C-alpha atoms as a PDB file:
ATOM      1  CA  UNK A   1       9.972  -7.754  14.423  1.00  0.00           C
ATOM      2  CA  UNK A   2       9.164  -4.009  14.776  1.00  0.00           C
ATOM      3  CA  UNK A   3       5.326  -3.065  14.337  1.00  0.00           C
ATOM      4  CA  UNK A   4       4.892  -0.046  11.742  1.00  0.00           C
ATOM      5  CA  UNK A   5       2.333   2.710  12.318  1.00  0.00           C
ATOM      6  CA  UNK A   6       0.788   2.588   8.956  1.00  0.00           C
ATOM      7  CA  UNK A   7      -1.440   5.394   9.864  1.00  0.00           C
ATOM      8  CA  UNK A   8       1.886   7.698  10.432  1.00  0.00           C
ATOM      9  CA  UNK A   9       3.374   6.748   7.166  1.00  0.00           C
ATOM     10  CA  UNK A  10       2.954   8.675   3.834  1.00  0.00           C
ATOM     11  CA  UNK A  11       0.997   7.327   1.029  1.00  0.00           C
ATOM     12  CA  UNK A  12       4.060   6.848  -0.979  1.00  0.00           C
ATOM     13  CA  UNK A  13       5.718   5.052   1.581  1.00  0.00           C
ATOM     14  CA  UNK A  14       2.919   2.920   2.501  1.00  0.00           C
ATOM     15  CA  UNK A  15       2.541   1.986  -1.230  1.00  0.00           C
ATOM     16  CA  UNK A  16       6.339   1.173  -1.599  1.00  0.00           C
ATOM     17  CA  UNK A  17       6.147  -0.829   1.598  1.00  0.00           C
ATOM     18  CA  UNK A  18       3.396  -2.743   0.064  1.00  0.00           C
ATOM     19  CA  UNK A  19       5.189  -3.328  -3.091  1.00  0.00           C
ATOM     20  CA  UNK A  20       8.052  -4.381  -1.031  1.00  0.00           C
ATOM     21  CA  UNK A  21       6.048  -6.870   1.472  1.00  0.00           C
ATOM     22  CA  UNK A  22       3.614  -8.291  -0.858  1.00  0.00           C
ATOM     23  CA  UNK A  23       2.745 -11.191   1.496  1.00  0.00           C
ATOM     24  CA  UNK A  24       1.843  -9.133   4.564  1.00  0.00           C
ATOM     25  CA  UNK A  25      -2.023  -8.705   4.363  1.00  0.00           C
ATOM     26  CA  UNK A  26      -1.734  -6.165   6.995  1.00  0.00           C
ATOM     27  CA  UNK A  27      -0.323  -3.785   4.863  1.00  0.00           C
ATOM     28  CA  UNK A  28      -2.610  -4.320   2.134  1.00  0.00           C
ATOM     29  CA  UNK A  29      -5.440  -3.828   4.499  1.00  0.00           C
ATOM     30  CA  UNK A  30      -4.030  -0.622   5.577  1.00  0.00           C
ATOM     31  CA  UNK A  31      -3.627   0.551   2.048  1.00  0.00           C
ATOM     32  CA  UNK A  32      -7.181  -0.313   1.093  1.00  0.00           C
ATOM     33  CA  UNK A  33      -8.486   1.221   4.387  1.00  0.00           C
ATOM     34  CA  UNK A  34      -6.579   4.269   3.248  1.00  0.00           C
ATOM     35  CA  UNK A  35      -7.964   4.244  -0.169  1.00  0.00           C
ATOM     36  CA  UNK A  36     -11.659   4.089   1.107  1.00  0.00           C
ATOM     37  CA  UNK A  37     -10.817   6.899   3.523  1.00  0.00           C
ATOM     38  CA  UNK A  38      -9.751   9.296   0.744  1.00  0.00           C
ATOM     39  CA  UNK A  39      -8.080   9.434  -2.481  1.00  0.00           C
ATOM     40  CA  UNK A  40      -5.151  11.242  -3.456  1.00  0.00           C
ATOM     41  CA  UNK A  41      -3.182  11.646  -6.783  1.00  0.00           C
ATOM     42  CA  UNK A  42      -0.480   9.799  -4.995  1.00  0.00           C
ATOM     43  CA  UNK A  43      -2.668   6.731  -4.089  1.00  0.00           C
ATOM     44  CA  UNK A  44      -4.442   6.592  -7.198  1.00  0.00           C
ATOM     45  CA  UNK A  45      -1.014   6.438  -9.317  1.00  0.00           C
ATOM     46  CA  UNK A  46       0.626   3.976  -6.836  1.00  0.00           C
ATOM     47  CA  UNK A  47      -2.699   1.620  -7.016  1.00  0.00           C
ATOM     48  CA  UNK A  48      -1.950   0.989 -10.623  1.00  0.00           C
ATOM     49  CA  UNK A  49       1.625   0.239  -9.990  1.00  0.00           C
ATOM     50  CA  UNK A  50       0.757  -1.926  -6.819  1.00  0.00           C
ATOM     51  CA  UNK A  51      -1.718  -3.760  -9.249  1.00  0.00           C
ATOM     52  CA  UNK A  52       1.016  -4.561 -11.748  1.00  0.00           C
ATOM     53  CA  UNK A  53       3.151  -5.735  -9.326  1.00  0.00           C
ATOM     54  CA  UNK A  54       0.668  -7.975  -7.710  1.00  0.00           C
ATOM     55  CA  UNK A  55      -0.290  -9.313 -11.185  1.00  0.00           C
ATOM     56  CA  UNK A  56       3.247 -10.199 -11.856  1.00  0.00           C
ATOM     57  CA  UNK A  57       3.708 -11.673  -8.348  1.00  0.00           C
ATOM     58  CA  UNK A  58       0.244 -13.875  -8.751  1.00  0.00           C
END
């Protein structure tokens, strides 16, 4: 399995990867770290989408 450099991917890519790999805690942590570092319109919009995906998943 290839290790992904989450710091190097775009906000959109990270959000989509998180939606596709809900079980990957490291991806969720990378997303939360990025949200804490700064908030962009892309991150804020994706946060709602991701929240809805997780709500359906759980």
